[in-house]
């Protein structure tokens, strides 16, 4: 599994932290969940038509 550091604005950090707590996830698990959703949406929206 890859590891990397990402810098995000403090307000975004707090928002994700709040969501993670509400979903009973760690910050890492929440960020992975959100990234997977975003990548899936990106791929779905750009899939070849036809």
PDB file of N, CA and C in Angstrom:
ATOM      1  N   UNK A   1       0.853  -1.176   0.000  1.00  0.00           N
ATOM      2  CA  UNK A   1       0.000   0.000   0.000  1.00  0.00           C
ATOM      3  C   UNK A   1       0.897   1.237   0.000  1.00  0.00           C
ATOM      4  N   UNK A   2       0.558   2.189  -0.847  1.00  0.00           N
ATOM      5  CA  UNK A   2       1.335   3.424  -0.958  1.00  0.00           C
ATOM      6  C   UNK A   2       1.000   4.382   0.184  1.00  0.00           C
ATOM      7  N   UNK A   3       1.977   5.182   0.529  1.00  0.00           N
ATOM      8  CA  UNK A   3       1.803   6.214   1.545  1.00  0.00           C
ATOM      9  C   UNK A   3       2.246   7.537   0.947  1.00  0.00           C
ATOM     10  N   UNK A   4       1.472   8.599   1.232  1.00  0.00           N
ATOM     11  CA  UNK A   4       1.896   9.925   0.795  1.00  0.00           C
ATOM     12  C   UNK A   4       1.348  10.980   1.741  1.00  0.00           C
ATOM     13  N   UNK A   5       1.955  12.134   1.709  1.00  0.00           N
ATOM     14  CA  UNK A   5       1.539  13.252   2.544  1.00  0.00           C
ATOM     15  C   UNK A   5       0.799  14.257   1.667  1.00  0.00           C
ATOM     16  N   UNK A   6      -0.290  14.763   2.181  1.00  0.00           N
ATOM     17  CA  UNK A   6      -1.054  15.756   1.429  1.00  0.00           C
ATOM     18  C   UNK A   6      -1.345  16.932   2.356  1.00  0.00           C
ATOM     19  N   UNK A   7      -1.198  18.131   1.823  1.00  0.00           N
ATOM     20  CA  UNK A   7      -1.504  19.342   2.595  1.00  0.00           C
ATOM     21  C   UNK A   7      -2.879  19.829   2.173  1.00  0.00           C
ATOM     22  N   UNK A   8      -3.755  20.028   3.150  1.00  0.00           N
ATOM     23  CA  UNK A   8      -5.100  20.530   2.867  1.00  0.00           C
ATOM     24  C   UNK A   8      -5.383  21.711   3.787  1.00  0.00           C
ATOM     25  N   UNK A   9      -6.260  22.586   3.373  1.00  0.00           N
ATOM     26  CA  UNK A   9      -6.614  23.730   4.216  1.00  0.00           C
ATOM     27  C   UNK A   9      -7.196  23.255   5.556  1.00  0.00           C
ATOM     28  N   UNK A  10      -6.947  24.030   6.591  1.00  0.00           N
ATOM     29  CA  UNK A  10      -7.419  23.676   7.930  1.00  0.00           C
ATOM     30  C   UNK A  10      -8.922  23.453   7.981  1.00  0.00           C
ATOM     31  N   UNK A  11      -9.682  24.291   7.280  1.00  0.00           N
ATOM     32  CA  UNK A  11     -11.136  24.139   7.333  1.00  0.00           C
ATOM     33  C   UNK A  11     -11.586  22.832   6.686  1.00  0.00           C
ATOM     34  N   UNK A  12     -10.939  22.411   5.603  1.00  0.00           N
ATOM     35  CA  UNK A  12     -11.275  21.141   4.969  1.00  0.00           C
ATOM     36  C   UNK A  12     -10.911  19.978   5.890  1.00  0.00           C
ATOM     37  N   UNK A  13      -9.790  20.086   6.548  1.00  0.00           N
ATOM     38  CA  UNK A  13      -9.369  19.062   7.516  1.00  0.00           C
ATOM     39  C   UNK A  13     -10.436  18.886   8.596  1.00  0.00           C
ATOM     40  N   UNK A  14     -10.922  19.979   9.129  1.00  0.00           N
ATOM     41  CA  UNK A  14     -11.944  19.916  10.180  1.00  0.00           C
ATOM     42  C   UNK A  14     -13.245  19.315   9.655  1.00  0.00           C
ATOM     43  N   UNK A  15     -13.609  19.662   8.449  1.00  0.00           N
ATOM     44  CA  UNK A  15     -14.842  19.119   7.852  1.00  0.00           C
ATOM     45  C   UNK A  15     -14.736  17.614   7.655  1.00  0.00           C
ATOM     46  N   UNK A  16     -13.605  17.154   7.132  1.00  0.00           N
ATOM     47  CA  UNK A  16     -13.412  15.714   6.932  1.00  0.00           C
ATOM     48  C   UNK A  16     -13.350  15.002   8.287  1.00  0.00           C
ATOM     49  N   UNK A  17     -12.707  15.613   9.249  1.00  0.00           N
ATOM     50  CA  UNK A  17     -12.630  15.032  10.592  1.00  0.00           C
ATOM     51  C   UNK A  17     -14.027  14.852  11.179  1.00  0.00           C
ATOM     52  N   UNK A  18     -14.877  15.838  10.997  1.00  0.00           N
ATOM     53  CA  UNK A  18     -16.254  15.770  11.483  1.00  0.00           C
ATOM     54  C   UNK A  18     -17.019  14.638  10.788  1.00  0.00           C
ATOM     55  N   UNK A  19     -16.885  14.547   9.471  1.00  0.00           N
ATOM     56  CA  UNK A  19     -17.561  13.495   8.715  1.00  0.00           C
ATOM     57  C   UNK A  19     -17.056  12.119   9.143  1.00  0.00           C
ATOM     58  N   UNK A  20     -15.746  11.987   9.293  1.00  0.00           N
ATOM     59  CA  UNK A  20     -15.175  10.703   9.709  1.00  0.00           C
ATOM     60  C   UNK A  20     -15.742  10.264  11.056  1.00  0.00           C
ATOM     61  N   UNK A  21     -15.842  11.184  11.987  1.00  0.00           N
ATOM     62  CA  UNK A  21     -16.396  10.852  13.300  1.00  0.00           C
ATOM     63  C   UNK A  21     -17.859  10.434  13.173  1.00  0.00           C
ATOM     64  N   UNK A  22     -18.616  11.141  12.358  1.00  0.00           N
ATOM     65  CA  UNK A  22     -20.031  10.819  12.173  1.00  0.00           C
ATOM     66  C   UNK A  22     -20.218   9.456  11.513  1.00  0.00           C
ATOM     67  N   UNK A  23     -19.277   9.055  10.666  1.00  0.00           N
ATOM     68  CA  UNK A  23     -19.340   7.777   9.964  1.00  0.00           C
ATOM     69  C   UNK A  23     -18.582   6.677  10.708  1.00  0.00           C
ATOM     70  N   UNK A  24     -18.052   7.005  11.885  1.00  0.00           N
ATOM     71  CA  UNK A  24     -17.278   6.054  12.703  1.00  0.00           C
ATOM     72  C   UNK A  24     -16.101   5.470  11.920  1.00  0.00           C
ATOM     73  N   UNK A  25     -15.384   6.367  11.233  1.00  0.00           N
ATOM     74  CA  UNK A  25     -14.197   5.991  10.475  1.00  0.00           C
ATOM     75  C   UNK A  25     -13.012   6.813  10.958  1.00  0.00           C
ATOM     76  N   UNK A  26     -11.827   6.289  10.735  1.00  0.00           N
ATOM     77  CA  UNK A  26     -10.617   7.081  10.967  1.00  0.00           C
ATOM     78  C   UNK A  26     -10.527   8.123   9.853  1.00  0.00           C
ATOM     79  N   UNK A  27      -9.697   9.117  10.061  1.00  0.00           N
ATOM     80  CA  UNK A  27      -9.476  10.114   9.008  1.00  0.00           C
ATOM     81  C   UNK A  27      -8.950   9.425   7.745  1.00  0.00           C
ATOM     82  N   UNK A  28      -8.017   8.512   7.908  1.00  0.00           N
ATOM     83  CA  UNK A  28      -7.458   7.818   6.758  1.00  0.00           C
ATOM     84  C   UNK A  28      -8.542   7.045   6.012  1.00  0.00           C
ATOM     85  N   UNK A  29      -9.345   6.280   6.737  1.00  0.00           N
ATOM     86  CA  UNK A  29     -10.406   5.504   6.099  1.00  0.00           C
ATOM     87  C   UNK A  29     -11.408   6.419   5.395  1.00  0.00           C
ATOM     88  N   UNK A  30     -11.713   7.557   6.000  1.00  0.00           N
ATOM     89  CA  UNK A  30     -12.657   8.491   5.386  1.00  0.00           C
ATOM     90  C   UNK A  30     -12.087   9.072   4.108  1.00  0.00           C
ATOM     91  N   UNK A  31     -10.823   9.454   4.132  1.00  0.00           N
ATOM     92  CA  UNK A  31     -10.199  10.010   2.927  1.00  0.00           C
ATOM     93  C   UNK A  31     -10.127   8.972   1.814  1.00  0.00           C
ATOM     94  N   UNK A  32      -9.815   7.722   2.155  1.00  0.00           N
ATOM     95  CA  UNK A  32      -9.797   6.655   1.140  1.00  0.00           C
ATOM     96  C   UNK A  32     -11.191   6.479   0.556  1.00  0.00           C
ATOM     97  N   UNK A  33     -12.202   6.462   1.411  1.00  0.00           N
ATOM     98  CA  UNK A  33     -13.592   6.337   0.963  1.00  0.00           C
ATOM     99  C   UNK A  33     -13.959   7.471  -0.002  1.00  0.00           C
ATOM    100  N   UNK A  34     -13.651   8.698   0.373  1.00  0.00           N
ATOM    101  CA  UNK A  34     -13.977   9.848  -0.471  1.00  0.00           C
ATOM    102  C   UNK A  34     -13.211   9.820  -1.796  1.00  0.00           C
ATOM    103  N   UNK A  35     -11.945   9.437  -1.749  1.00  0.00           N
ATOM    104  CA  UNK A  35     -11.155   9.356  -2.984  1.00  0.00           C
ATOM    105  C   UNK A  35     -11.687   8.276  -3.913  1.00  0.00           C
ATOM    106  N   UNK A  36     -12.053   7.120  -3.360  1.00  0.00           N
ATOM    107  CA  UNK A  36     -12.620   6.057  -4.192  1.00  0.00           C
ATOM    108  C   UNK A  36     -13.894   6.531  -4.884  1.00  0.00           C
ATOM    109  N   UNK A  37     -14.760   7.213  -4.130  1.00  0.00           N
ATOM    110  CA  UNK A  37     -15.999   7.733  -4.716  1.00  0.00           C
ATOM    111  C   UNK A  37     -15.698   8.726  -5.831  1.00  0.00           C
ATOM    112  N   UNK A  38     -14.768   9.632  -5.576  1.00  0.00           N
ATOM    113  CA  UNK A  38     -14.428  10.659  -6.574  1.00  0.00           C
ATOM    114  C   UNK A  38     -13.843  10.030  -7.827  1.00  0.00           C
ATOM    115  N   UNK A  39     -12.985   9.047  -7.677  1.00  0.00           N
ATOM    116  CA  UNK A  39     -12.371   8.390  -8.836  1.00  0.00           C
ATOM    117  C   UNK A  39     -13.424   7.607  -9.620  1.00  0.00           C
ATOM    118  N   UNK A  40     -14.308   6.912  -8.923  1.00  0.00           N
ATOM    119  CA  UNK A  40     -15.383   6.176  -9.599  1.00  0.00           C
ATOM    120  C   UNK A  40     -16.284   7.113 -10.390  1.00  0.00           C
ATOM    121  N   UNK A  41     -16.648   8.240  -9.797  1.00  0.00           N
ATOM    122  CA  UNK A  41     -17.479   9.223 -10.494  1.00  0.00           C
ATOM    123  C   UNK A  41     -16.754   9.779 -11.715  1.00  0.00           C
ATOM    124  N   UNK A  42     -15.477  10.071 -11.568  1.00  0.00           N
ATOM    125  CA  UNK A  42     -14.679  10.588 -12.675  1.00  0.00           C
ATOM    126  C   UNK A  42     -14.667   9.588 -13.827  1.00  0.00           C
ATOM    127  N   UNK A  43     -14.382   8.326 -13.492  1.00  0.00           N
ATOM    128  CA  UNK A  43     -14.322   7.299 -14.532  1.00  0.00           C
ATOM    129  C   UNK A  43     -15.693   7.071 -15.176  1.00  0.00           C
ATOM    130  N   UNK A  44     -16.739   7.061 -14.378  1.00  0.00           N
ATOM    131  CA  UNK A  44     -18.088   6.864 -14.909  1.00  0.00           C
ATOM    132  C   UNK A  44     -18.456   8.002 -15.863  1.00  0.00           C
ATOM    133  N   UNK A  45     -18.162   9.234 -15.471  1.00  0.00           N
ATOM    134  CA  UNK A  45     -18.510  10.401 -16.275  1.00  0.00           C
ATOM    135  C   UNK A  45     -17.715  10.478 -17.568  1.00  0.00           C
ATOM    136  N   UNK A  46     -16.591   9.832 -17.629  1.00  0.00           N
ATOM    137  CA  UNK A  46     -15.734   9.912 -18.803  1.00  0.00           C
ATOM    138  C   UNK A  46     -15.649   8.594 -19.566  1.00  0.00           C
ATOM    139  N   UNK A  47     -16.512   7.640 -19.221  1.00  0.00           N
ATOM    140  CA  UNK A  47     -16.516   6.363 -19.925  1.00  0.00           C
ATOM    141  C   UNK A  47     -16.943   6.574 -21.374  1.00  0.00           C
ATOM    142  N   UNK A  48     -16.355   5.824 -22.280  1.00  0.00           N
ATOM    143  CA  UNK A  48     -16.758   5.951 -23.693  1.00  0.00           C
ATOM    144  C   UNK A  48     -18.245   5.676 -23.856  1.00  0.00           C
ATOM    145  N   UNK A  49     -18.893   6.458 -24.639  1.00  0.00           N
ATOM    146  CA  UNK A  49     -20.317   6.293 -24.909  1.00  0.00           C
ATOM    147  C   UNK A  49     -20.496   5.330 -26.088  1.00  0.00           C
ATOM    148  N   UNK A  50     -21.482   4.476 -25.985  1.00  0.00           N
ATOM    149  CA  UNK A  50     -21.804   3.624 -27.113  1.00  0.00           C
ATOM    150  C   UNK A  50     -21.293   2.289 -26.954  1.00  0.00           C
TER     151      UNK A  50
END
